[in-house]
Amino acid sequence: MSRGGVGGLAILVLLASLWGCSEEREPDARFATPESTLDTLLGVYGVADMSQEEIQQQMRSRGRFELRDEATYEACFDDYDGPQHEGLAGYVFGTVAAGKDQLRINMVQGKAHVFPDPDRRERYVVLVQSDGEWKISLRESVPADVRGALIEQYERMSERRGGQ
């Protein structure tokens, strides 16, 4: 084997080992920015292209929206942990959807704080970044008293259904 052939083989082995070690995946574009995560959240309910006024009208008249993609919906959240968190996720969706056209995002200590009403700073949604993706933190977005009440309501309903 010629001297150049050994060098070429060494390069191939090095490249193959580097390629095998790089287990990093590309961040999902649906969660690449806080804005894209919020758009994804609104999109799974089919309201991304609706105006804030249209969304609020539908909330008043029907009170519900049809979930179109459960897996993507759950993927929007950093700490979604099954059916017991549906109420928390619904609270966040309602917060974002109701203020859709006036959302303001402020970066605070590496987290994105989303304010649906610029005049009411006490209600906001928090997104955290992990592995290059921005996900909504239920724990930080739903006030503790609301979180406790929603979890308690879920537990009561589960007991009535026999723990199903």
Protein backbone atom coordinates (compact mmCIF):
# COMPACT_ATOMS: atom_id res chain seq x y z
CA MET A 1 0.00 0.00 0.00
CA SER A 2 1.38 3.41 -0.86
CA ARG A 3 2.10 6.03 1.76
CA GLY A 4 -0.80 8.17 0.53
CA GLY A 5 -3.18 5.22 0.88
CA VAL A 6 -2.44 4.81 4.61
CA GLY A 7 -2.99 8.51 5.22
CA GLY A 8 -6.27 8.40 3.34
CA LEU A 9 -7.36 5.37 5.35
CA ALA A 10 -6.47 7.13 8.61
CA ILE A 11 -8.56 10.13 7.59
CA LEU A 12 -11.51 7.89 6.75
CA VAL A 13 -11.24 6.13 10.12
CA LEU A 14 -11.05 9.50 11.91
CA LEU A 15 -14.04 10.87 10.01
CA ALA A 16 -16.05 7.70 10.67
CA SER A 17 -15.31 7.87 14.39
CA LEU A 18 -16.19 11.55 14.56
CA TRP A 19 -19.41 10.92 12.64
CA GLY A 20 -20.32 8.04 14.96
CA CYS A 21 -19.67 10.17 18.06
CA SER A 22 -21.79 13.07 16.94
CA GLU A 23 -25.14 12.02 18.37
CA GLU A 24 -26.37 15.63 18.45
CA ARG A 25 -29.60 16.10 16.60
CA GLU A 26 -30.73 19.20 14.86
CA PRO A 27 -33.23 21.24 16.88
CA ASP A 28 -36.80 20.87 15.64
CA ALA A 29 -37.69 24.00 13.66
CA ARG A 30 -41.13 24.05 15.34
CA PHE A 31 -39.34 24.91 18.61
CA ALA A 32 -36.28 26.81 17.34
CA THR A 33 -37.39 30.15 18.83
CA PRO A 34 -39.93 31.19 21.46
CA GLU A 35 -42.05 32.61 18.64
CA SER A 36 -42.00 29.35 16.67
CA THR A 37 -42.99 27.36 19.76
CA LEU A 38 -45.94 29.68 20.37
CA ASP A 39 -46.94 29.43 16.70
CA THR A 40 -46.73 25.64 16.97
CA LEU A 41 -48.91 25.67 20.09
CA LEU A 42 -51.53 27.80 18.34
CA GLY A 43 -51.26 25.70 15.19
CA VAL A 44 -52.13 22.41 16.87
CA TYR A 45 -55.53 23.93 17.62
CA GLY A 46 -55.90 25.52 14.19
CA VAL A 47 -55.91 29.09 15.49
CA ALA A 48 -52.50 30.29 14.26
CA ASP A 49 -54.09 32.15 11.36
CA MET A 50 -57.06 33.47 13.34
CA SER A 51 -57.07 36.97 14.76
CA GLN A 52 -57.11 37.50 18.50
CA GLU A 53 -60.66 38.82 18.17
CA GLU A 54 -61.78 35.67 16.33
CA ILE A 55 -60.17 33.46 18.98
CA GLN A 56 -61.81 35.38 21.81
CA GLN A 57 -65.18 35.19 20.04
CA GLN A 58 -64.84 31.43 19.71
CA MET A 59 -63.83 31.18 23.39
CA ARG A 60 -66.98 33.06 24.36
CA SER A 61 -69.33 31.16 22.06
CA ARG A 62 -68.00 27.60 22.26
CA GLY A 63 -65.39 27.73 24.98
CA ARG A 64 -63.35 25.00 23.28
CA PHE A 65 -60.98 24.36 20.42
CA GLU A 66 -60.33 21.10 18.61
CA LEU A 67 -56.86 19.61 19.23
CA ARG A 68 -55.43 18.46 15.89
CA ASP A 69 -52.06 16.98 16.86
CA GLU A 70 -51.69 15.67 20.40
CA ALA A 71 -48.04 14.59 20.07
CA THR A 72 -46.95 18.02 18.83
CA TYR A 73 -49.06 19.68 21.51
CA GLU A 74 -47.33 17.71 24.26
CA ALA A 75 -43.93 18.42 22.65
CA CYS A 76 -44.53 22.17 23.11
CA PHE A 77 -44.00 21.74 26.86
CA ASP A 78 -40.81 21.16 28.80
CA ASP A 79 -42.50 19.39 31.69
CA TYR A 80 -45.73 17.91 30.34
CA ASP A 81 -46.19 14.63 32.19
CA GLY A 82 -49.39 13.05 30.95
CA PRO A 83 -53.12 13.56 31.44
CA GLN A 84 -52.72 15.18 34.87
CA HIS A 85 -51.13 18.15 33.10
CA GLU A 86 -53.86 18.67 30.49
CA GLY A 87 -55.50 21.40 32.59
CA LEU A 88 -52.17 23.20 33.03
CA ALA A 89 -51.44 23.02 29.31
CA GLY A 90 -54.97 24.25 28.57
CA TYR A 91 -54.44 27.20 30.91
CA VAL A 92 -51.26 28.12 29.01
CA PHE A 93 -52.97 27.71 25.63
CA GLY A 94 -55.82 29.97 26.76
CA THR A 95 -53.37 32.57 28.02
CA VAL A 96 -51.43 32.64 24.75
CA ALA A 97 -54.47 32.41 22.46
CA ALA A 98 -56.44 35.15 24.22
CA GLY A 99 -53.58 37.63 23.74
CA LYS A 100 -52.25 36.27 20.44
CA ASP A 101 -52.00 39.56 18.54
CA GLN A 102 -50.28 41.50 21.30
CA LEU A 103 -47.80 38.98 22.71
CA ARG A 104 -44.59 40.55 24.02
CA ILE A 105 -41.50 38.45 24.67
CA ASN A 106 -38.86 39.54 27.15
CA MET A 107 -35.69 37.59 27.82
CA VAL A 108 -35.11 37.22 31.56
CA GLN A 109 -32.10 35.24 32.84
CA GLY A 110 -31.97 32.99 29.77
CA LYS A 111 -35.72 32.36 29.73
CA ALA A 112 -38.38 33.84 27.49
CA HIS A 113 -41.24 35.51 29.36
CA VAL A 114 -44.29 35.95 27.15
CA PHE A 115 -46.81 38.58 28.16
CA PRO A 116 -50.18 38.26 26.40
CA ASP A 117 -51.34 41.64 27.70
CA PRO A 118 -48.62 44.29 27.89
CA ASP A 119 -50.64 46.16 30.55
CA ARG A 120 -51.02 43.13 32.86
CA ARG A 121 -47.58 41.85 33.79
CA GLU A 122 -48.79 39.40 36.46
CA ARG A 123 -49.94 36.80 33.90
CA TYR A 124 -47.25 35.41 31.62
CA VAL A 125 -45.89 32.23 30.07
CA VAL A 126 -42.28 31.09 30.50
CA LEU A 127 -40.27 29.22 27.88
CA VAL A 128 -36.96 27.52 28.64
CA GLN A 129 -34.30 26.44 26.19
CA SER A 130 -33.01 22.88 26.15
CA ASP A 131 -30.95 21.24 23.42
CA GLY A 132 -31.50 24.25 21.17
CA GLU A 133 -35.28 24.10 21.47
CA TRP A 134 -37.65 26.44 23.30
CA LYS A 135 -40.34 24.70 25.34
CA ILE A 136 -43.04 26.04 27.62
CA SER A 137 -42.53 25.42 31.33
CA LEU A 138 -45.87 24.53 32.92
CA ARG A 139 -44.41 24.85 36.40
CA GLU A 140 -43.28 28.41 35.75
CA SER A 141 -46.24 29.48 33.59
CA VAL A 142 -49.18 28.40 35.72
CA PRO A 143 -49.48 30.17 39.10
CA ALA A 144 -49.07 27.78 42.05
CA ASP A 145 -52.66 28.23 43.29
CA VAL A 146 -54.11 27.59 39.83
CA ARG A 147 -51.74 24.66 39.30
CA GLY A 148 -52.81 23.11 42.61
CA ALA A 149 -56.51 23.56 41.86
CA LEU A 150 -56.19 22.04 38.38
CA ILE A 151 -54.22 19.03 39.63
CA GLU A 152 -56.74 18.53 42.46
CA GLN A 153 -59.62 18.70 39.97
CA TYR A 154 -57.90 16.10 37.77
CA GLU A 155 -57.41 13.78 40.76
CA ARG A 156 -61.08 14.10 41.78
CA MET A 157 -62.20 13.30 38.24
CA SER A 158 -59.83 10.33 38.08
CA GLU A 159 -61.20 8.94 41.34
CA ARG A 160 -64.76 9.23 40.02
CA ARG A 161 -63.78 7.32 36.90
CA GLY A 162 -62.10 4.64 38.98
CA GLY A 163 -58.53 5.80 38.42
CA GLN A 164 -58.66 5.42 34.64
